[in-house]
Every structure is written in structure tokens, then in C-alpha cells.
């Protein structure tokens, strides 16, 4: 009997600790408004960009936002990070600024721009990718 109780408790704890996929904007919005953590996975080879050359065939990005703005028709989050490994600016200290806009048409629009780490001046034009939820973009919550 004790083994059954331990097995049952283990199953409940394990089940509750896995993230589950959100398939539509409404599910993402509800999870965000409940304070759930969101995890966004983007397969850039499946996204569309302004030009074909902007897509990276073997690049997958994963982002867990800390702050979000939620409205009736979109959720916006962004982040900026420091790097010396930007392929367009090798060994140059830069910030990469990325905005994620999740809209009620089930798209994730990712906009990316490179800024100087010295004075925040703009070093590149904005690049945008449109990624479809359940195809090139997957969103999970815990």
C-alpha cells in the first residue's frame, strides 16, 4: 500500500513539473495573465523574413521572458544582451536588442537590431521574422 501511495505522489509531482505547449494566442494570453512562465522556441529556418538570406537554416532560439505587456490582440516582450560573437560584427562589443510580438493571428513577430556597446548607437537595420505558432514558433508554460 505504501508503495502505491509513493508511486501515485511521484506521478502527480512529475506531471505537474513539465511545461506544456500552448497552441493559440488565447492560451498564451491566459497563461501570461495567470503569471505562468512562458518559454518561446523559434526555428528560424521555418520563419519568413524580409529576404530569404535573413533566415538561418540551422538556428533555433529559446527565450524565457521576465516581463510582458498583454493586450486583447497581442503580447509584447523584449530583451537586450551583450555579446562579442555577433557574426556581422566579430569581436566587436555589441548589444543585440530583440522584440517578440505574439499576436492574435497566431504569429510571433521577432524584430532584431544591433547596437553599439559603447554608446548604444544603431549598428544595423532592423531585421524581422514572422514565425507561425505551432510551426516555426512553439510556446510552452509551466
Protein backbone atom coordinates (compact mmCIF):
# COMPACT_ATOMS: atom_id res chain seq x y z
CA UNK A 1 0.00 0.00 0.00
CA UNK A 2 2.80 2.44 0.90
CA UNK A 3 4.49 1.73 -2.44
CA UNK A 4 1.27 2.63 -4.27
CA UNK A 5 0.97 5.92 -2.39
CA UNK A 6 4.60 6.81 -3.13
CA UNK A 7 4.13 5.88 -6.80
CA UNK A 8 0.96 7.99 -7.01
CA UNK A 9 2.63 11.00 -5.37
CA UNK A 10 5.64 10.65 -7.69
CA UNK A 11 3.35 10.61 -10.72
CA UNK A 12 1.50 13.74 -9.56
CA UNK A 13 4.70 15.65 -8.81
CA UNK A 14 6.28 14.63 -12.12
CA UNK A 15 3.17 15.51 -14.12
CA UNK A 16 2.99 19.00 -12.61
CA UNK A 17 6.65 19.78 -13.23
CA UNK A 18 6.65 19.59 -17.03
CA UNK A 19 5.89 22.51 -19.31
CA UNK A 20 3.01 22.06 -21.71
CA UNK A 21 2.65 23.54 -25.17
CA UNK A 22 0.27 26.41 -25.86
CA UNK A 23 -1.27 26.23 -29.33
CA UNK A 24 -3.16 29.52 -29.74
CA UNK A 25 -2.80 33.18 -28.79
CA UNK A 26 -5.72 32.92 -26.33
CA UNK A 27 -3.94 30.12 -24.42
CA UNK A 28 -0.72 32.16 -24.32
CA UNK A 29 -2.57 35.27 -23.12
CA UNK A 30 -4.41 33.35 -20.37
CA UNK A 31 -1.17 31.73 -19.17
CA UNK A 32 0.61 35.12 -19.07
CA UNK A 33 -2.26 36.74 -17.16
CA UNK A 34 -2.15 33.89 -14.61
CA UNK A 35 1.54 34.61 -14.01
CA UNK A 36 2.79 31.42 -15.64
CA UNK A 37 6.33 31.28 -17.01
CA UNK A 38 6.42 31.26 -20.81
CA UNK A 39 9.16 29.70 -22.93
CA UNK A 40 9.34 30.65 -26.62
CA UNK A 41 11.21 28.41 -29.06
CA UNK A 42 11.85 29.73 -32.59
CA UNK A 43 13.09 27.61 -35.51
CA UNK A 44 14.37 30.35 -37.81
CA UNK A 45 14.57 28.00 -40.80
CA UNK A 46 10.76 27.83 -40.73
CA UNK A 47 10.15 31.59 -40.32
CA UNK A 48 9.73 34.12 -43.08
CA UNK A 49 11.83 37.28 -43.20
CA UNK A 50 12.14 40.36 -45.37
CA UNK A 51 14.56 38.38 -47.56
CA UNK A 52 15.42 34.70 -47.75
CA UNK A 53 19.02 35.46 -46.75
CA UNK A 54 17.82 36.60 -43.32
CA UNK A 55 16.74 33.12 -42.34
CA UNK A 56 19.28 30.86 -40.68
CA UNK A 57 18.85 27.22 -41.74
CA UNK A 58 20.19 25.64 -38.56
CA UNK A 59 19.43 28.21 -35.89
CA UNK A 60 16.95 27.64 -33.09
CA UNK A 61 16.45 30.25 -30.38
CA UNK A 62 14.87 29.77 -26.96
CA UNK A 63 13.73 32.70 -24.82
CA UNK A 64 12.01 32.90 -21.43
CA UNK A 65 10.66 36.42 -20.93
CA UNK A 66 10.65 38.05 -17.50
CA UNK A 67 8.35 40.95 -18.38
CA UNK A 68 5.44 41.15 -20.82
CA UNK A 69 2.81 43.61 -21.92
CA UNK A 70 -0.53 41.88 -22.58
CA UNK A 71 -3.44 43.39 -24.51
CA UNK A 72 -6.50 41.95 -26.26
CA UNK A 73 -4.72 41.33 -29.55
CA UNK A 74 -1.01 40.97 -28.76
CA UNK A 75 1.66 40.25 -26.17
CA UNK A 76 4.97 42.10 -26.39
CA UNK A 77 8.24 41.27 -24.66
CA UNK A 78 11.84 42.19 -25.36
CA UNK A 79 15.38 41.68 -24.18
CA UNK A 80 18.83 43.05 -24.79
CA UNK A 81 22.07 41.18 -24.26
CA UNK A 82 25.77 41.88 -24.62
CA UNK A 83 27.93 39.80 -26.97
CA UNK A 84 31.28 39.70 -28.74
CA UNK A 85 30.02 36.94 -31.05
CA UNK A 86 27.70 38.71 -33.45
CA UNK A 87 28.57 37.31 -36.91
CA UNK A 88 28.13 40.71 -38.60
CA UNK A 89 30.40 42.43 -36.06
CA UNK A 90 33.03 39.84 -35.00
CA UNK A 91 34.99 40.67 -31.83
CA UNK A 92 33.17 43.98 -31.50
CA UNK A 93 31.31 44.55 -28.22
CA UNK A 94 27.64 44.98 -29.15
CA UNK A 95 24.17 44.69 -27.69
CA UNK A 96 21.54 42.68 -29.52
CA UNK A 97 18.04 44.06 -28.94
CA UNK A 98 15.19 41.65 -29.71
CA UNK A 99 11.43 42.22 -29.51
CA UNK A 100 8.85 39.43 -29.59
CA UNK A 101 5.29 40.39 -30.58
CA UNK A 102 2.83 37.49 -30.22
CA UNK A 103 -0.41 38.42 -31.98
CA UNK A 104 -3.96 37.12 -32.15
CA UNK A 105 -3.33 35.80 -35.67
CA UNK A 106 -1.09 33.16 -34.01
CA UNK A 107 2.17 34.67 -35.21
CA UNK A 108 5.32 35.58 -33.35
CA UNK A 109 6.97 38.59 -35.00
CA UNK A 110 10.59 38.82 -33.91
CA UNK A 111 12.44 42.09 -34.56
CA UNK A 112 16.21 42.25 -34.07
CA UNK A 113 18.68 45.13 -34.08
CA UNK A 114 22.37 45.52 -33.16
CA UNK A 115 23.53 48.45 -31.03
CA UNK A 116 27.00 49.68 -30.08
CA UNK A 117 28.02 48.63 -26.56
CA UNK A 118 29.86 51.91 -26.20
CA UNK A 119 27.12 54.46 -26.85
CA UNK A 120 24.02 52.44 -27.90
CA UNK A 121 24.19 53.86 -31.42
CA UNK A 122 22.44 51.76 -34.07
CA UNK A 123 24.84 49.49 -35.99
CA UNK A 124 22.34 47.59 -38.14
CA UNK A 125 18.94 47.97 -39.70
CA UNK A 126 16.10 46.14 -38.02
CA UNK A 127 15.56 42.59 -39.20
CA UNK A 128 12.17 40.95 -38.74
CA UNK A 129 10.99 37.37 -38.85
CA UNK A 130 7.41 36.14 -38.88
CA UNK A 131 7.01 32.76 -37.19
CA UNK A 132 3.75 30.80 -37.03
CA UNK A 133 2.73 29.36 -33.65
CA UNK A 134 2.79 25.51 -33.81
CA UNK A 135 5.10 25.55 -36.85
CA UNK A 136 8.21 27.70 -36.56
CA UNK A 137 7.31 29.04 -33.10
CA UNK A 138 6.40 26.91 -30.12
CA UNK A 139 5.32 28.40 -26.80
CA UNK A 140 5.29 26.48 -23.55
CA UNK A 141 4.18 27.33 -19.99
CA UNK A 142 4.87 25.73 -16.62
